Amino acid sequence: LDVVIADLDGGTVNVPECVHISLLPEPLLQQTREALSMVLDPELEVADLAFPPSMISASSLKMQDKEIRAVFLRLFAQLLQGYRWCLHIIRIHPEPVIRFHKVR
């Protein structure tokens, strides 16, 4: 009942009602929005300049796909940095058990 299912091929995410998903922390949310905006609409980066460069070209679809993937890879790396501090080894069993304990 508390499992989130993400269908990457179909582009759907099923979240049960009992699961609460919070927003990203504010600095990461703003950085991710800005980075995606620059990938999807690069003209915005120079829109307010008094003397914008004459050539601003949008990336090809293949390159744009790679840029979007890079934005999310950086986001996940920032979100998960330090996760090892949350791993606890329980040695009372014959085989050690690794448990994830979220630090608040």
Protein backbone atom coordinates (compact mmCIF):
# COMPACT_ATOMS: atom_id res chain seq x y z
CA LEU A 1 0.00 0.00 0.00
CA ASP A 2 2.92 2.39 0.46
CA VAL A 3 4.76 1.74 -2.81
CA VAL A 4 5.24 4.43 -5.45
CA ILE A 5 5.28 2.99 -8.97
CA ALA A 6 7.07 4.96 -11.70
CA ASP A 7 6.53 3.69 -15.25
CA LEU A 8 9.47 5.27 -17.05
CA ASP A 9 8.45 3.88 -20.43
CA GLY A 10 4.85 5.02 -20.14
CA GLY A 11 5.60 8.28 -18.35
CA THR A 12 3.27 7.72 -15.39
CA VAL A 13 3.74 7.76 -11.64
CA ASN A 14 1.22 6.14 -9.27
CA VAL A 15 1.37 7.49 -5.73
CA PRO A 16 -0.93 5.93 -3.11
CA GLU A 17 -3.00 8.34 -1.04
CA CYS A 18 -1.24 7.28 2.16
CA VAL A 19 2.17 8.41 0.82
CA HIS A 20 3.13 12.06 1.27
CA ILE A 21 5.72 13.36 -1.17
CA SER A 22 7.24 16.68 -0.21
CA LEU A 23 8.64 19.28 -2.59
CA LEU A 24 12.35 19.59 -3.21
CA PRO A 25 14.28 21.77 -0.76
CA GLU A 26 14.18 25.37 -1.94
CA PRO A 27 17.74 25.92 -3.18
CA LEU A 28 17.62 22.73 -5.25
CA LEU A 29 14.14 23.45 -6.60
CA GLN A 30 15.13 26.91 -7.85
CA GLN A 31 18.43 25.69 -9.34
CA THR A 32 16.67 22.86 -11.17
CA ARG A 33 13.97 25.16 -12.54
CA GLU A 34 16.58 27.63 -13.79
CA ALA A 35 18.72 24.92 -15.37
CA LEU A 36 15.73 23.36 -17.15
CA SER A 37 14.59 26.78 -18.32
CA MET A 38 18.01 27.45 -19.85
CA VAL A 39 17.95 24.10 -21.65
CA LEU A 40 14.41 24.43 -22.95
CA ASP A 41 14.52 28.15 -23.81
CA PRO A 42 18.15 29.38 -24.07
CA GLU A 43 17.06 32.83 -25.29
CA LEU A 44 15.90 33.62 -21.74
CA GLU A 45 19.50 33.66 -20.56
CA VAL A 46 20.29 36.77 -22.63
CA ALA A 47 16.82 38.34 -22.84
CA ASP A 48 17.63 41.15 -20.40
CA LEU A 49 21.08 42.02 -21.77
CA ALA A 50 21.45 45.46 -23.37
CA PHE A 51 23.68 43.98 -26.10
CA PRO A 52 22.74 40.32 -26.52
CA PRO A 53 24.93 38.08 -28.66
CA SER A 54 23.76 37.83 -32.24
CA MET A 55 23.80 34.03 -32.38
CA ILE A 56 21.80 32.06 -29.84
CA SER A 57 20.81 28.70 -31.19
CA ALA A 58 18.71 26.07 -29.53
CA SER A 59 20.29 22.66 -29.07
CA SER A 60 19.34 19.77 -31.31
CA LEU A 61 16.75 17.42 -29.84
CA LYS A 62 19.42 14.79 -29.14
CA MET A 63 21.64 17.31 -27.35
CA GLN A 64 18.66 18.80 -25.50
CA ASP A 65 17.78 15.31 -24.24
CA LYS A 66 21.33 14.90 -22.90
CA GLU A 67 21.23 18.34 -21.26
CA ILE A 68 17.94 17.54 -19.50
CA ARG A 69 19.35 14.22 -18.31
CA ALA A 70 22.41 16.04 -16.96
CA VAL A 71 20.22 18.48 -15.03
CA PHE A 72 18.40 15.62 -13.32
CA LEU A 73 21.59 13.64 -12.73
CA ARG A 74 23.05 16.65 -10.90
CA LEU A 75 19.81 17.04 -8.92
CA PHE A 76 19.85 13.40 -7.79
CA ALA A 77 23.54 13.58 -6.90
CA GLN A 78 22.85 16.65 -4.74
CA LEU A 79 19.81 15.05 -3.11
CA LEU A 80 21.58 11.80 -2.28
CA GLN A 81 24.96 13.15 -1.21
CA GLY A 82 25.83 11.92 2.24
CA TYR A 83 23.34 9.04 2.17
CA ARG A 84 25.96 6.72 3.67
CA TRP A 85 25.63 8.55 6.99
CA CYS A 86 22.08 7.12 7.15
CA LEU A 87 23.19 3.50 6.77
CA HIS A 88 23.39 1.50 9.99
CA ILE A 89 24.81 -2.00 10.23
CA ILE A 90 23.00 -4.29 12.64
CA ARG A 91 25.29 -7.12 13.69
CA ILE A 92 23.06 -9.07 16.08
CA HIS A 93 21.95 -11.43 13.29
CA PRO A 94 24.15 -14.20 11.85
CA GLU A 95 24.42 -12.07 8.70
CA PRO A 96 24.92 -8.30 9.12
CA VAL A 97 21.86 -6.28 8.07
CA ILE A 98 22.16 -2.81 6.61
CA ARG A 99 19.28 -0.53 7.60
CA PHE A 100 18.54 2.93 6.24
CA HIS A 101 17.74 5.40 9.03
CA LYS A 102 16.72 8.84 7.85
CA VAL A 103 18.28 11.55 9.99
CA ARG A 104 15.94 14.48 10.60
